[in-house]
Each structure stands twice: as structure tokens, then as C-alpha cells.
PDB file of all heavy atoms in Angstrom:
ATOM      1  N   GLY A   1      94.011  19.230  10.195  1.00  0.00           N
ATOM      2  CA  GLY A   1      94.649  19.134  11.477  1.00  0.00           C
ATOM      3  C   GLY A   1      93.731  18.485  12.568  1.00  0.00           C
ATOM      4  O   GLY A   1      94.196  17.810  13.446  1.00  0.00           O
ATOM      5  N   VAL A   2      92.401  18.664  12.362  1.00  0.00           N
ATOM      6  CA  VAL A   2      91.499  18.023  13.362  1.00  0.00           C
ATOM      7  C   VAL A   2      91.403  16.549  12.953  1.00  0.00           C
ATOM      8  O   VAL A   2      91.219  16.181  11.803  1.00  0.00           O
ATOM      9  CB  VAL A   2      90.085  18.680  13.213  1.00  0.00           C
ATOM     10  CG1 VAL A   2      89.111  17.968  14.116  1.00  0.00           C
ATOM     11  CG2 VAL A   2      90.168  20.153  13.561  1.00  0.00           C
ATOM     12  N   LYS A   3      91.589  15.655  13.989  1.00  0.00           N
ATOM     13  CA  LYS A   3      91.601  14.232  13.743  1.00  0.00           C
ATOM     14  C   LYS A   3      90.343  13.491  14.126  1.00  0.00           C
ATOM     15  O   LYS A   3      90.089  12.433  13.614  1.00  0.00           O
ATOM     16  CB  LYS A   3      92.787  13.611  14.503  1.00  0.00           C
ATOM     17  CG  LYS A   3      94.141  14.140  14.015  1.00  0.00           C
ATOM     18  CD  LYS A   3      95.269  13.525  14.858  1.00  0.00           C
ATOM     19  CE  LYS A   3      96.601  14.084  14.310  1.00  0.00           C
ATOM     20  NZ  LYS A   3      97.698  13.576  15.114  1.00  0.00           N
ATOM     21  N   ASP A   4      89.574  14.096  15.042  1.00  0.00           N
ATOM     22  CA  ASP A   4      88.419  13.374  15.522  1.00  0.00           C
ATOM     23  C   ASP A   4      87.327  14.402  15.895  1.00  0.00           C
ATOM     24  O   ASP A   4      87.625  15.450  16.438  1.00  0.00           O
ATOM     25  CB  ASP A   4      88.863  12.655  16.897  1.00  0.00           C
ATOM     26  CG  ASP A   4      87.695  12.095  17.615  1.00  0.00           C
ATOM     27  OD1 ASP A   4      87.249  11.010  17.225  1.00  0.00           O
ATOM     28  OD2 ASP A   4      87.243  12.698  18.594  1.00  0.00           O
ATOM     29  N   ILE A   5      86.107  14.078  15.554  1.00  0.00           N
ATOM     30  CA  ILE A   5      84.968  14.925  15.909  1.00  0.00           C
ATOM     31  C   ILE A   5      84.366  14.318  17.192  1.00  0.00           C
ATOM     32  O   ILE A   5      83.989  13.133  17.183  1.00  0.00           O
ATOM     33  CB  ILE A   5      83.931  15.000  14.769  1.00  0.00           C
ATOM     34  CG1 ILE A   5      84.525  15.659  13.555  1.00  0.00           C
ATOM     35  CG2 ILE A   5      82.641  15.745  15.221  1.00  0.00           C
ATOM     36  CD1 ILE A   5      83.681  15.607  12.281  1.00  0.00           C
ATOM     37  N   GLY A   6      84.279  15.064  18.218  1.00  0.00           N
ATOM     38  CA  GLY A   6      83.877  14.555  19.536  1.00  0.00           C
ATOM     39  C   GLY A   6      82.356  14.171  19.656  1.00  0.00           C
ATOM     40  O   GLY A   6      81.566  14.599  18.880  1.00  0.00           O
ATOM     41  N   GLN A   7      82.189  13.343  20.659  1.00  0.00           N
ATOM     42  CA  GLN A   7      80.786  12.901  20.980  1.00  0.00           C
ATOM     43  C   GLN A   7      79.895  14.141  21.232  1.00  0.00           C
ATOM     44  O   GLN A   7      80.282  15.041  21.966  1.00  0.00           O
ATOM     45  CB  GLN A   7      80.884  11.998  22.215  1.00  0.00           C
ATOM     46  CG  GLN A   7      79.581  11.503  22.688  1.00  0.00           C
ATOM     47  CD  GLN A   7      79.768  10.531  23.884  1.00  0.00           C
ATOM     48  OE1 GLN A   7      80.625   9.691  23.831  1.00  0.00           O
ATOM     49  NE2 GLN A   7      78.986  10.732  24.893  1.00  0.00           N
ATOM     50  N   ASN A   8      78.715  14.146  20.631  1.00  0.00           N
ATOM     51  CA  ASN A   8      77.721  15.173  20.781  1.00  0.00           C
ATOM     52  C   ASN A   8      78.228  16.588  20.393  1.00  0.00           C
ATOM     53  O   ASN A   8      77.671  17.594  20.759  1.00  0.00           O
ATOM     54  CB  ASN A   8      77.255  15.291  22.265  1.00  0.00           C
ATOM     55  CG  ASN A   8      76.401  14.085  22.639  1.00  0.00           C
ATOM     56  OD1 ASN A   8      75.461  13.720  21.960  1.00  0.00           O
ATOM     57  ND2 ASN A   8      76.741  13.461  23.742  1.00  0.00           N
ATOM     58  N   ALA A   9      79.302  16.672  19.612  1.00  0.00           N
ATOM     59  CA  ALA A   9      79.891  17.950  19.240  1.00  0.00           C
ATOM     60  C   ALA A   9      78.915  18.925  18.629  1.00  0.00           C
ATOM     61  O   ALA A   9      79.013  20.125  18.847  1.00  0.00           O
ATOM     62  CB  ALA A   9      81.112  17.717  18.359  1.00  0.00           C
ATOM     63  N   PHE A  10      77.991  18.441  17.820  1.00  0.00           N
ATOM     64  CA  PHE A  10      76.995  19.313  17.187  1.00  0.00           C
ATOM     65  C   PHE A  10      75.558  18.924  17.467  1.00  0.00           C
ATOM     66  O   PHE A  10      74.654  19.303  16.736  1.00  0.00           O
ATOM     67  CB  PHE A  10      77.299  19.354  15.661  1.00  0.00           C
ATOM     68  CG  PHE A  10      78.776  19.683  15.399  1.00  0.00           C
ATOM     69  CD1 PHE A  10      79.637  18.711  14.939  1.00  0.00           C
ATOM     70  CD2 PHE A  10      79.210  20.963  15.600  1.00  0.00           C
ATOM     71  CE1 PHE A  10      80.957  19.016  14.743  1.00  0.00           C
ATOM     72  CE2 PHE A  10      80.537  21.280  15.358  1.00  0.00           C
ATOM     73  CZ  PHE A  10      81.475  20.275  14.932  1.00  0.00           C
ATOM     74  N   ASN A  11      75.376  18.055  18.451  1.00  0.00           N
ATOM     75  CA  ASN A  11      74.074  17.544  18.796  1.00  0.00           C
ATOM     76  C   ASN A  11      73.140  18.788  19.123  1.00  0.00           C
ATOM     77  O   ASN A  11      73.447  19.604  19.989  1.00  0.00           O
ATOM     78  CB  ASN A  11      74.187  16.687  20.026  1.00  0.00           C
ATOM     79  CG  ASN A  11      72.843  16.105  20.503  1.00  0.00           C
ATOM     80  OD1 ASN A  11      71.836  16.240  19.813  1.00  0.00           O
ATOM     81  ND2 ASN A  11      72.857  15.465  21.634  1.00  0.00           N
ATOM     82  N   GLY A  12      72.074  18.843  18.397  1.00  0.00           N
ATOM     83  CA  GLY A  12      71.099  19.934  18.644  1.00  0.00           C
ATOM     84  C   GLY A  12      71.323  21.200  17.905  1.00  0.00           C
ATOM     85  O   GLY A  12      70.632  22.202  18.102  1.00  0.00           O
ATOM     86  N   CYS A  13      72.320  21.240  16.997  1.00  0.00           N
ATOM     87  CA  CYS A  13      72.587  22.400  16.146  1.00  0.00           C
ATOM     88  C   CYS A  13      71.485  22.363  15.021  1.00  0.00           C
ATOM     89  O   CYS A  13      71.804  21.975  13.886  1.00  0.00           O
ATOM     90  CB  CYS A  13      73.989  22.385  15.569  1.00  0.00           C
ATOM     91  SG  CYS A  13      75.234  22.623  16.822  1.00  0.00           S
ATOM     92  N   ILE A  14      70.300  22.678  15.354  1.00  0.00           N
ATOM     93  CA  ILE A  14      69.128  22.452  14.434  1.00  0.00           C
ATOM     94  C   ILE A  14      69.172  23.344  13.156  1.00  0.00           C
ATOM     95  O   ILE A  14      68.577  22.970  12.193  1.00  0.00           O
ATOM     96  CB  ILE A  14      67.754  22.710  15.176  1.00  0.00           C
ATOM     97  CG1 ILE A  14      67.695  24.130  15.744  1.00  0.00           C
ATOM     98  CG2 ILE A  14      67.619  21.656  16.266  1.00  0.00           C
ATOM     99  CD1 ILE A  14      66.354  24.469  16.284  1.00  0.00           C
ATOM    100  N   GLY A  15      69.947  24.434  13.127  1.00  0.00           N
ATOM    101  CA  GLY A  15      70.016  25.269  11.950  1.00  0.00           C
ATOM    102  C   GLY A  15      71.053  24.918  10.926  1.00  0.00           C
ATOM    103  O   GLY A  15      71.116  25.455   9.874  1.00  0.00           O
ATOM    104  N   VAL A  16      71.960  23.959  11.293  1.00  0.00           N
ATOM    105  CA  VAL A  16      73.055  23.595  10.408  1.00  0.00           C
ATOM    106  C   VAL A  16      72.476  22.907   9.142  1.00  0.00           C
ATOM    107  O   VAL A  16      71.756  21.980   9.135  1.00  0.00           O
ATOM    108  CB  VAL A  16      74.020  22.631  11.156  1.00  0.00           C
ATOM    109  CG1 VAL A  16      75.063  22.095  10.143  1.00  0.00           C
ATOM    110  CG2 VAL A  16      74.701  23.284  12.283  1.00  0.00           C
ATOM    111  N   LYS A  17      72.900  23.484   7.964  1.00  0.00           N
ATOM    112  CA  LYS A  17      72.488  22.999   6.663  1.00  0.00           C
ATOM    113  C   LYS A  17      73.579  22.175   5.980  1.00  0.00           C
ATOM    114  O   LYS A  17      73.316  21.299   5.250  1.00  0.00           O
ATOM    115  CB  LYS A  17      72.025  24.110   5.818  1.00  0.00           C
ATOM    116  CG  LYS A  17      70.786  24.820   6.344  1.00  0.00           C
ATOM    117  CD  LYS A  17      70.408  25.990   5.470  1.00  0.00           C
ATOM    118  CE  LYS A  17      69.204  26.666   6.074  1.00  0.00           C
ATOM    119  NZ  LYS A  17      68.844  27.868   5.336  1.00  0.00           N
ATOM    120  N   SER A  18      74.900  22.540   6.225  1.00  0.00           N
ATOM    121  CA  SER A  18      75.978  21.878   5.530  1.00  0.00           C
ATOM    122  C   SER A  18      77.175  21.734   6.418  1.00  0.00           C
ATOM    123  O   SER A  18      77.414  22.600   7.341  1.00  0.00           O
ATOM    124  CB  SER A  18      76.314  22.626   4.245  1.00  0.00           C
ATOM    125  OG  SER A  18      76.781  23.897   4.571  1.00  0.00           O
ATOM    126  N   VAL A  19      77.983  20.707   6.148  1.00  0.00           N
ATOM    127  CA  VAL A  19      79.178  20.386   6.958  1.00  0.00           C
ATOM    128  C   VAL A  19      80.314  19.968   5.965  1.00  0.00           C
ATOM    129  O   VAL A  19      80.053  19.159   5.119  1.00  0.00           O
ATOM    130  CB  VAL A  19      78.964  19.253   7.945  1.00  0.00           C
ATOM    131  CG1 VAL A  19      80.195  18.925   8.703  1.00  0.00           C
ATOM    132  CG2 VAL A  19      77.830  19.597   8.891  1.00  0.00           C
ATOM    133  N   GLU A  20      81.403  20.570   6.149  1.00  0.00           N
ATOM    134  CA  GLU A  20      82.661  20.214   5.390  1.00  0.00           C
ATOM    135  C   GLU A  20      83.658  19.647   6.383  1.00  0.00           C
ATOM    136  O   GLU A  20      84.024  20.338   7.300  1.00  0.00           O
ATOM    137  CB  GLU A  20      83.246  21.406   4.682  1.00  0.00           C
ATOM    138  CG  GLU A  20      82.388  22.021   3.617  1.00  0.00           C
ATOM    139  CD  GLU A  20      83.029  23.286   3.013  1.00  0.00           C
ATOM    140  OE1 GLU A  20      84.225  23.249   2.728  1.00  0.00           O
ATOM    141  OE2 GLU A  20      82.277  24.219   2.875  1.00  0.00           O
ATOM    142  N   ILE A  21      84.125  18.431   6.093  1.00  0.00           N
ATOM    143  CA  ILE A  21      85.060  17.755   6.984  1.00  0.00           C
ATOM    144  C   ILE A  21      86.372  17.540   6.268  1.00  0.00           C
ATOM    145  O   ILE A  21      86.347  16.956   5.190  1.00  0.00           O
ATOM    146  CB  ILE A  21      84.543  16.415   7.538  1.00  0.00           C
ATOM    147  CG1 ILE A  21      83.189  16.661   8.289  1.00  0.00           C
ATOM    148  CG2 ILE A  21      85.530  15.734   8.404  1.00  0.00           C
ATOM    149  CD1 ILE A  21      82.483  15.380   8.693  1.00  0.00           C
ATOM    150  N   SER A  22      87.507  17.998   6.840  1.00  0.00           N
ATOM    151  CA  SER A  22      88.760  17.887   6.128  1.00  0.00           C
ATOM    152  C   SER A  22      89.224  16.404   6.101  1.00  0.00           C
ATOM    153  O   SER A  22      88.716  15.552   6.853  1.00  0.00           O
ATOM    154  CB  SER A  22      89.869  18.701   6.882  1.00  0.00           C
ATOM    155  OG  SER A  22      90.249  18.087   8.086  1.00  0.00           O
ATOM    156  N   ASN A  23      90.219  16.138   5.268  1.00  0.00           N
ATOM    157  CA  ASN A  23      90.660  14.736   5.079  1.00  0.00           C
ATOM    158  C   ASN A  23      91.678  14.297   6.163  1.00  0.00           C
ATOM    159  O   ASN A  23      92.304  13.254   6.057  1.00  0.00           O
ATOM    160  CB  ASN A  23      91.299  14.575   3.716  1.00  0.00           C
ATOM    161  CG  ASN A  23      92.482  15.434   3.489  1.00  0.00           C
ATOM    162  OD1 ASN A  23      93.010  16.099   4.350  1.00  0.00           O
ATOM    163  ND2 ASN A  23      92.976  15.458   2.207  1.00  0.00           N
ATOM    164  N   THR A  24      91.812  15.078   7.233  1.00  0.00           N
ATOM    165  CA  THR A  24      92.589  14.658   8.400  1.00  0.00           C
ATOM    166  C   THR A  24      91.781  13.982   9.440  1.00  0.00           C
ATOM    167  O   THR A  24      92.302  13.380  10.378  1.00  0.00           O
ATOM    168  CB  THR A  24      93.410  15.807   8.991  1.00  0.00           C
ATOM    169  OG1 THR A  24      92.522  16.842   9.449  1.00  0.00           O
ATOM    170  CG2 THR A  24      94.440  16.398   8.019  1.00  0.00           C
ATOM    171  N   VAL A  25      90.439  14.109   9.321  1.00  0.00           N
ATOM    172  CA  VAL A  25      89.512  13.502  10.326  1.00  0.00           C
ATOM    173  C   VAL A  25      89.410  11.978  10.050  1.00  0.00           C
ATOM    174  O   VAL A  25      89.139  11.568   8.912  1.00  0.00           O
ATOM    175  CB  VAL A  25      88.128  14.177  10.255  1.00  0.00           C
ATOM    176  CG1 VAL A  25      87.124  13.501  11.177  1.00  0.00           C
ATOM    177  CG2 VAL A  25      88.225  15.675  10.625  1.00  0.00           C
ATOM    178  N   TYR A  26      89.581  11.159  11.049  1.00  0.00           N
ATOM    179  CA  TYR A  26      89.474   9.694  10.930  1.00  0.00           C
ATOM    180  C   TYR A  26      88.292   9.141  11.695  1.00  0.00           C
ATOM    181  O   TYR A  26      87.937   7.991  11.514  1.00  0.00           O
ATOM    182  CB  TYR A  26      90.777   9.039  11.349  1.00  0.00           C
ATOM    183  CG  TYR A  26      91.132   9.202  12.812  1.00  0.00           C
ATOM    184  CD1 TYR A  26      90.601   8.312  13.743  1.00  0.00           C
ATOM    185  CD2 TYR A  26      91.877  10.241  13.266  1.00  0.00           C
ATOM    186  CE1 TYR A  26      90.863   8.458  15.053  1.00  0.00           C
ATOM    187  CE2 TYR A  26      92.225  10.397  14.627  1.00  0.00           C
ATOM    188  CZ  TYR A  26      91.668   9.489  15.483  1.00  0.00           C
ATOM    189  OH  TYR A  26      91.924   9.611  16.838  1.00  0.00           O
ATOM    190  N   SER A  27      87.686   9.923  12.619  1.00  0.00           N
ATOM    191  CA  SER A  27      86.662   9.352  13.446  1.00  0.00           C
ATOM    192  C   SER A  27      85.564  10.458  13.787  1.00  0.00           C
ATOM    193  O   SER A  27      85.905  11.602  14.011  1.00  0.00           O
ATOM    194  CB  SER A  27      87.306   8.900  14.734  1.00  0.00           C
ATOM    195  OG  SER A  27      86.350   8.469  15.707  1.00  0.00           O
ATOM    196  N   ILE A  28      84.336   9.961  13.823  1.00  0.00           N
ATOM    197  CA  ILE A  28      83.197  10.822  14.240  1.00  0.00           C
ATOM    198  C   ILE A  28      82.514  10.193  15.423  1.00  0.00           C
ATOM    199  O   ILE A  28      82.127   9.039  15.379  1.00  0.00           O
ATOM    200  CB  ILE A  28      82.183  10.999  13.078  1.00  0.00           C
ATOM    201  CG1 ILE A  28      82.878  11.647  11.892  1.00  0.00           C
ATOM    202  CG2 ILE A  28      80.993  11.834  13.584  1.00  0.00           C
ATOM    203  CD1 ILE A  28      81.971  11.804  10.661  1.00  0.00           C
TER     204      ILE A  28
END
């Protein structure tokens, strides 16, 4: 359902090890 990941959405999330993005996303 999410179509776009916003600018700076996870900027500085230094502990993030993994990301799963659904197939409805068309833009980062």
C-alpha cells in the first residue's frame, strides 16, 4: 500500500540492520 519512501525518512537510523520494502513502492 505504501507507494513512496519519503526524503530523509530513515536518515540517521544508525541501528537499522535490515529493510523489507513491499512491491507497491515505486520510488525512494
